[in-house]
Amino acid sequence: MMHTRWAWALGAALWLGASVGGAQPATTEREAERTALFEQGVELAEAGRWPEATEMFRRVLAIRSAPRVRFTLGEAEEKSGKLASAKATYGRALEEARAAGDEQAAGAARGALTAIERRVPRLVLRLPEGVGGARVSVDGREVEPTEAGVELDPGEH
């Protein structure tokens, strides 16, 4: 089953490479590199080497983005335990898929977002009344504490 998912993503990514945004067919050296990186990412994913696959898919997106590749990155992040990151990536995949008119990818991203929503850890801070101007940072990044909490990847922060 996983092999089918990755084959779907690979075929879709290659197809989108030739058709989205008026891009030329994947004949340039950069596009050949992108395809090779994606294939390596798929191999790593199929071997369960999720952190390495995640990095490979990021390298693919650095060359050129496509909704299905972004969705595949989200899957790798999720399998790596980076749930908040995966949720954000699925959200971007959904936006990109809608913009590209790719309803199949949009549906997959919507489903992934729904499934991961309840699994994403949140840090909820309740400041005492009267405390104003407090600044909160997590891992060196300033965050805005809200009632819903700040979404974080699992682990120490």
C-alpha atoms as a PDB file:
ATOM      1  CA  MET A   1       0.000   0.000   0.000  1.00  0.00           C
ATOM      2  CA  MET A   2       2.764   2.458   0.856  1.00  0.00           C
ATOM      3  CA  HIS A   3       4.504   1.645  -2.411  1.00  0.00           C
ATOM      4  CA  THR A   4       1.338   2.633  -4.288  1.00  0.00           C
ATOM      5  CA  ARG A   5       1.175   5.951  -2.413  1.00  0.00           C
ATOM      6  CA  TRP A   6       4.776   6.813  -3.255  1.00  0.00           C
ATOM      7  CA  ALA A   7       4.337   5.726  -6.870  1.00  0.00           C
ATOM      8  CA  TRP A   8       1.277   7.993  -7.076  1.00  0.00           C
ATOM      9  CA  ALA A   9       3.302  10.876  -5.659  1.00  0.00           C
ATOM     10  CA  LEU A  10       6.248  10.253  -7.970  1.00  0.00           C
ATOM     11  CA  GLY A  11       4.116   9.999 -11.091  1.00  0.00           C
ATOM     12  CA  ALA A  12       2.136  13.047 -10.066  1.00  0.00           C
ATOM     13  CA  ALA A  13       5.239  15.060  -9.259  1.00  0.00           C
ATOM     14  CA  LEU A  14       6.770  14.262 -12.607  1.00  0.00           C
ATOM     15  CA  TRP A  15       3.514  15.100 -14.402  1.00  0.00           C
ATOM     16  CA  LEU A  16       3.158  18.356 -12.494  1.00  0.00           C
ATOM     17  CA  GLY A  17       6.756  19.146 -13.289  1.00  0.00           C
ATOM     18  CA  ALA A  18       5.812  19.355 -16.939  1.00  0.00           C
ATOM     19  CA  SER A  19       2.526  21.182 -16.591  1.00  0.00           C
ATOM     20  CA  VAL A  20       2.139  23.536 -13.620  1.00  0.00           C
ATOM     21  CA  GLY A  21       2.725  27.233 -14.010  1.00  0.00           C
ATOM     22  CA  GLY A  22       3.715  27.009 -17.641  1.00  0.00           C
ATOM     23  CA  ALA A  23       6.948  25.219 -16.796  1.00  0.00           C
ATOM     24  CA  GLN A  24       8.815  23.535 -19.604  1.00  0.00           C
ATOM     25  CA  PRO A  25       9.028  19.725 -19.665  1.00  0.00           C
ATOM     26  CA  ALA A  26      11.534  18.293 -17.222  1.00  0.00           C
ATOM     27  CA  THR A  27      14.511  18.313 -19.604  1.00  0.00           C
ATOM     28  CA  THR A  28      16.885  20.740 -17.920  1.00  0.00           C
ATOM     29  CA  GLU A  29      19.714  19.577 -15.714  1.00  0.00           C
ATOM     30  CA  ARG A  30      18.001  21.144 -12.713  1.00  0.00           C
ATOM     31  CA  GLU A  31      14.775  19.249 -13.414  1.00  0.00           C
ATOM     32  CA  ALA A  32      16.723  16.017 -13.861  1.00  0.00           C
ATOM     33  CA  GLU A  33      18.364  16.683 -10.489  1.00  0.00           C
ATOM     34  CA  ARG A  34      14.933  17.366  -8.978  1.00  0.00           C
ATOM     35  CA  THR A  35      13.571  14.075 -10.314  1.00  0.00           C
ATOM     36  CA  ALA A  36      16.594  12.139  -9.050  1.00  0.00           C
ATOM     37  CA  LEU A  37      16.273  13.716  -5.595  1.00  0.00           C
ATOM     38  CA  PHE A  38      12.580  12.860  -5.478  1.00  0.00           C
ATOM     39  CA  GLU A  39      13.275   9.243  -6.428  1.00  0.00           C
ATOM     40  CA  GLN A  40      15.930   9.062  -3.698  1.00  0.00           C
ATOM     41  CA  GLY A  41      13.417  10.489  -1.230  1.00  0.00           C
ATOM     42  CA  VAL A  42      10.897   7.831  -2.204  1.00  0.00           C
ATOM     43  CA  GLU A  43      13.495   5.082  -1.731  1.00  0.00           C
ATOM     44  CA  LEU A  44      14.390   6.454   1.707  1.00  0.00           C
ATOM     45  CA  ALA A  45      10.711   6.649   2.645  1.00  0.00           C
ATOM     46  CA  GLU A  46      10.041   3.102   1.519  1.00  0.00           C
ATOM     47  CA  ALA A  47      12.987   2.012   3.691  1.00  0.00           C
ATOM     48  CA  GLY A  48      11.452   3.836   6.671  1.00  0.00           C
ATOM     49  CA  ARG A  49      14.287   6.376   6.783  1.00  0.00           C
ATOM     50  CA  TRP A  50      11.893   9.279   7.340  1.00  0.00           C
ATOM     51  CA  PRO A  51      14.234  12.053   8.527  1.00  0.00           C
ATOM     52  CA  GLU A  52      16.482  11.504   5.510  1.00  0.00           C
ATOM     53  CA  ALA A  53      13.475  11.335   3.177  1.00  0.00           C
ATOM     54  CA  THR A  54      12.207  14.589   4.679  1.00  0.00           C
ATOM     55  CA  GLU A  55      15.468  16.331   3.859  1.00  0.00           C
ATOM     56  CA  MET A  56      15.435  14.934   0.322  1.00  0.00           C
ATOM     57  CA  PHE A  57      11.888  16.222  -0.315  1.00  0.00           C
ATOM     58  CA  ARG A  58      12.900  19.644   1.017  1.00  0.00           C
ATOM     59  CA  ARG A  59      15.718  19.693  -1.513  1.00  0.00           C
ATOM     60  CA  VAL A  60      13.215  18.841  -4.262  1.00  0.00           C
ATOM     61  CA  LEU A  61      10.983  21.738  -3.219  1.00  0.00           C
ATOM     62  CA  ALA A  62      13.965  24.099  -3.105  1.00  0.00           C
ATOM     63  CA  ILE A  63      14.372  23.507  -6.830  1.00  0.00           C
ATOM     64  CA  ARG A  64      10.685  23.908  -7.641  1.00  0.00           C
ATOM     65  CA  SER A  65       7.507  23.398  -5.680  1.00  0.00           C
ATOM     66  CA  ALA A  66       4.528  21.258  -6.617  1.00  0.00           C
ATOM     67  CA  PRO A  67       1.516  20.441  -4.420  1.00  0.00           C
ATOM     68  CA  ARG A  68       1.996  16.688  -4.517  1.00  0.00           C
ATOM     69  CA  VAL A  69       5.665  16.940  -3.641  1.00  0.00           C
ATOM     70  CA  ARG A  70       4.776  19.233  -0.739  1.00  0.00           C
ATOM     71  CA  PHE A  71       2.135  16.706   0.378  1.00  0.00           C
ATOM     72  CA  THR A  72       4.770  13.957   0.231  1.00  0.00           C
ATOM     73  CA  LEU A  73       7.067  16.110   2.387  1.00  0.00           C
ATOM     74  CA  GLY A  74       4.204  16.411   4.886  1.00  0.00           C
ATOM     75  CA  GLU A  75       3.880  12.638   5.020  1.00  0.00           C
ATOM     76  CA  ALA A  76       7.612  12.259   5.662  1.00  0.00           C
ATOM     77  CA  GLU A  77       7.503  14.913   8.398  1.00  0.00           C
ATOM     78  CA  GLU A  78       4.535  13.173   9.995  1.00  0.00           C
ATOM     79  CA  LYS A  79       6.298   9.787   9.922  1.00  0.00           C
ATOM     80  CA  SER A  80       9.360  11.505  11.458  1.00  0.00           C
ATOM     81  CA  GLY A  81       7.202  12.646  14.367  1.00  0.00           C
ATOM     82  CA  LYS A  82       7.252  16.311  13.332  1.00  0.00           C
ATOM     83  CA  LEU A  83       3.494  16.707  13.660  1.00  0.00           C
ATOM     84  CA  ALA A  84       3.222  20.500  13.809  1.00  0.00           C
ATOM     85  CA  SER A  85       5.597  20.798  10.858  1.00  0.00           C
ATOM     86  CA  ALA A  86       3.592  18.205   8.921  1.00  0.00           C
ATOM     87  CA  LYS A  87       0.354  20.051   9.616  1.00  0.00           C
ATOM     88  CA  ALA A  88       1.838  23.291   8.288  1.00  0.00           C
ATOM     89  CA  THR A  89       3.191  21.482   5.226  1.00  0.00           C
ATOM     90  CA  TYR A  90      -0.175  19.849   4.515  1.00  0.00           C
ATOM     91  CA  GLY A  91      -1.762  23.290   4.774  1.00  0.00           C
ATOM     92  CA  ARG A  92       0.629  24.691   2.176  1.00  0.00           C
ATOM     93  CA  ALA A  93       0.054  21.631  -0.022  1.00  0.00           C
ATOM     94  CA  LEU A  94      -3.687  22.306   0.138  1.00  0.00           C
ATOM     95  CA  GLU A  95      -3.199  25.954  -0.843  1.00  0.00           C
ATOM     96  CA  GLU A  96      -0.894  25.014  -3.721  1.00  0.00           C
ATOM     97  CA  ALA A  97      -3.215  22.254  -4.930  1.00  0.00           C
ATOM     98  CA  ARG A  98      -6.192  24.612  -4.960  1.00  0.00           C
ATOM     99  CA  ALA A  99      -4.163  27.220  -6.864  1.00  0.00           C
ATOM    100  CA  ALA A 100      -3.100  24.570  -9.390  1.00  0.00           C
ATOM    101  CA  GLY A 101      -6.633  23.173  -9.713  1.00  0.00           C
ATOM    102  CA  ASP A 102      -5.452  19.750  -8.538  1.00  0.00           C
ATOM    103  CA  GLU A 103      -8.532  18.459  -6.732  1.00  0.00           C
ATOM    104  CA  GLN A 104      -7.027  15.033  -6.040  1.00  0.00           C
ATOM    105  CA  ALA A 105      -4.038  16.536  -4.223  1.00  0.00           C
ATOM    106  CA  ALA A 106      -6.307  19.051  -2.465  1.00  0.00           C
ATOM    107  CA  GLY A 107      -8.508  16.221  -1.206  1.00  0.00           C
ATOM    108  CA  ALA A 108      -5.520  14.272   0.051  1.00  0.00           C
ATOM    109  CA  ALA A 109      -4.175  17.346   1.863  1.00  0.00           C
ATOM    110  CA  ARG A 110      -7.586  18.084   3.421  1.00  0.00           C
ATOM    111  CA  GLY A 111      -7.813  14.506   4.669  1.00  0.00           C
ATOM    112  CA  ALA A 112      -4.303  14.625   6.103  1.00  0.00           C
ATOM    113  CA  LEU A 113      -5.032  17.913   7.858  1.00  0.00           C
ATOM    114  CA  THR A 114      -8.180  16.492   9.433  1.00  0.00           C
ATOM    115  CA  ALA A 115      -6.376  13.343  10.572  1.00  0.00           C
ATOM    116  CA  ILE A 116      -3.369  15.113  12.087  1.00  0.00           C
ATOM    117  CA  GLU A 117      -5.226  17.983  13.781  1.00  0.00           C
ATOM    118  CA  ARG A 118      -5.998  16.142  17.011  1.00  0.00           C
ATOM    119  CA  ARG A 119      -2.476  14.695  17.245  1.00  0.00           C
ATOM    120  CA  VAL A 120      -0.510  17.969  17.163  1.00  0.00           C
ATOM    121  CA  PRO A 121       0.829  18.899  20.615  1.00  0.00           C
ATOM    122  CA  ARG A 122       0.056  22.379  21.884  1.00  0.00           C
ATOM    123  CA  LEU A 123       1.662  24.466  24.572  1.00  0.00           C
ATOM    124  CA  VAL A 124      -0.937  26.546  26.409  1.00  0.00           C
ATOM    125  CA  LEU A 125       0.304  29.399  28.561  1.00  0.00           C
ATOM    126  CA  ARG A 126      -1.985  31.111  31.001  1.00  0.00           C
ATOM    127  CA  LEU A 127      -0.510  34.366  32.188  1.00  0.00           C
ATOM    128  CA  PRO A 128      -1.812  36.004  35.354  1.00  0.00           C
ATOM    129  CA  GLU A 129      -4.265  38.843  34.854  1.00  0.00           C
ATOM    130  CA  GLY A 130      -2.646  42.211  34.630  1.00  0.00           C
ATOM    131  CA  VAL A 131       0.504  40.894  33.000  1.00  0.00           C
ATOM    132  CA  GLY A 132       0.997  42.979  29.925  1.00  0.00           C
ATOM    133  CA  GLY A 133       3.740  43.184  27.370  1.00  0.00           C
ATOM    134  CA  ALA A 134       5.042  39.703  28.154  1.00  0.00           C
ATOM    135  CA  ARG A 135       7.100  38.156  25.394  1.00  0.00           C
ATOM    136  CA  VAL A 136       7.134  34.407  24.973  1.00  0.00           C
ATOM    137  CA  SER A 137       9.620  32.428  22.929  1.00  0.00           C
ATOM    138  CA  VAL A 138       9.962  28.735  22.245  1.00  0.00           C
ATOM    139  CA  ASP A 139      13.264  27.451  20.913  1.00  0.00           C
ATOM    140  CA  GLY A 140      14.411  31.018  20.309  1.00  0.00           C
ATOM    141  CA  ARG A 141      11.359  31.883  18.201  1.00  0.00           C
ATOM    142  CA  GLU A 142       8.906  34.434  19.516  1.00  0.00           C
ATOM    143  CA  VAL A 143       5.361  33.045  19.712  1.00  0.00           C
ATOM    144  CA  GLU A 144       1.983  34.585  20.446  1.00  0.00           C
ATOM    145  CA  PRO A 145       0.271  32.750  23.291  1.00  0.00           C
ATOM    146  CA  THR A 146      -3.397  32.154  22.477  1.00  0.00           C
ATOM    147  CA  GLU A 147      -6.266  30.254  24.105  1.00  0.00           C
ATOM    148  CA  ALA A 148      -5.771  27.476  21.538  1.00  0.00           C
ATOM    149  CA  GLY A 149      -2.073  27.223  22.389  1.00  0.00           C
ATOM    150  CA  VAL A 150       1.076  27.171  20.322  1.00  0.00           C
ATOM    151  CA  GLU A 151       1.492  24.121  18.085  1.00  0.00           C
ATOM    152  CA  LEU A 152       4.812  22.343  18.548  1.00  0.00           C
ATOM    153  CA  ASP A 153       6.492  19.241  17.272  1.00  0.00           C
ATOM    154  CA  PRO A 154       6.785  16.568  19.991  1.00  0.00           C
ATOM    155  CA  GLY A 155       9.953  16.586  22.050  1.00  0.00           C
ATOM    156  CA  GLU A 156      11.936  18.827  24.361  1.00  0.00           C
ATOM    157  CA  HIS A 157      11.774  22.565  23.808  1.00  0.00           C
END
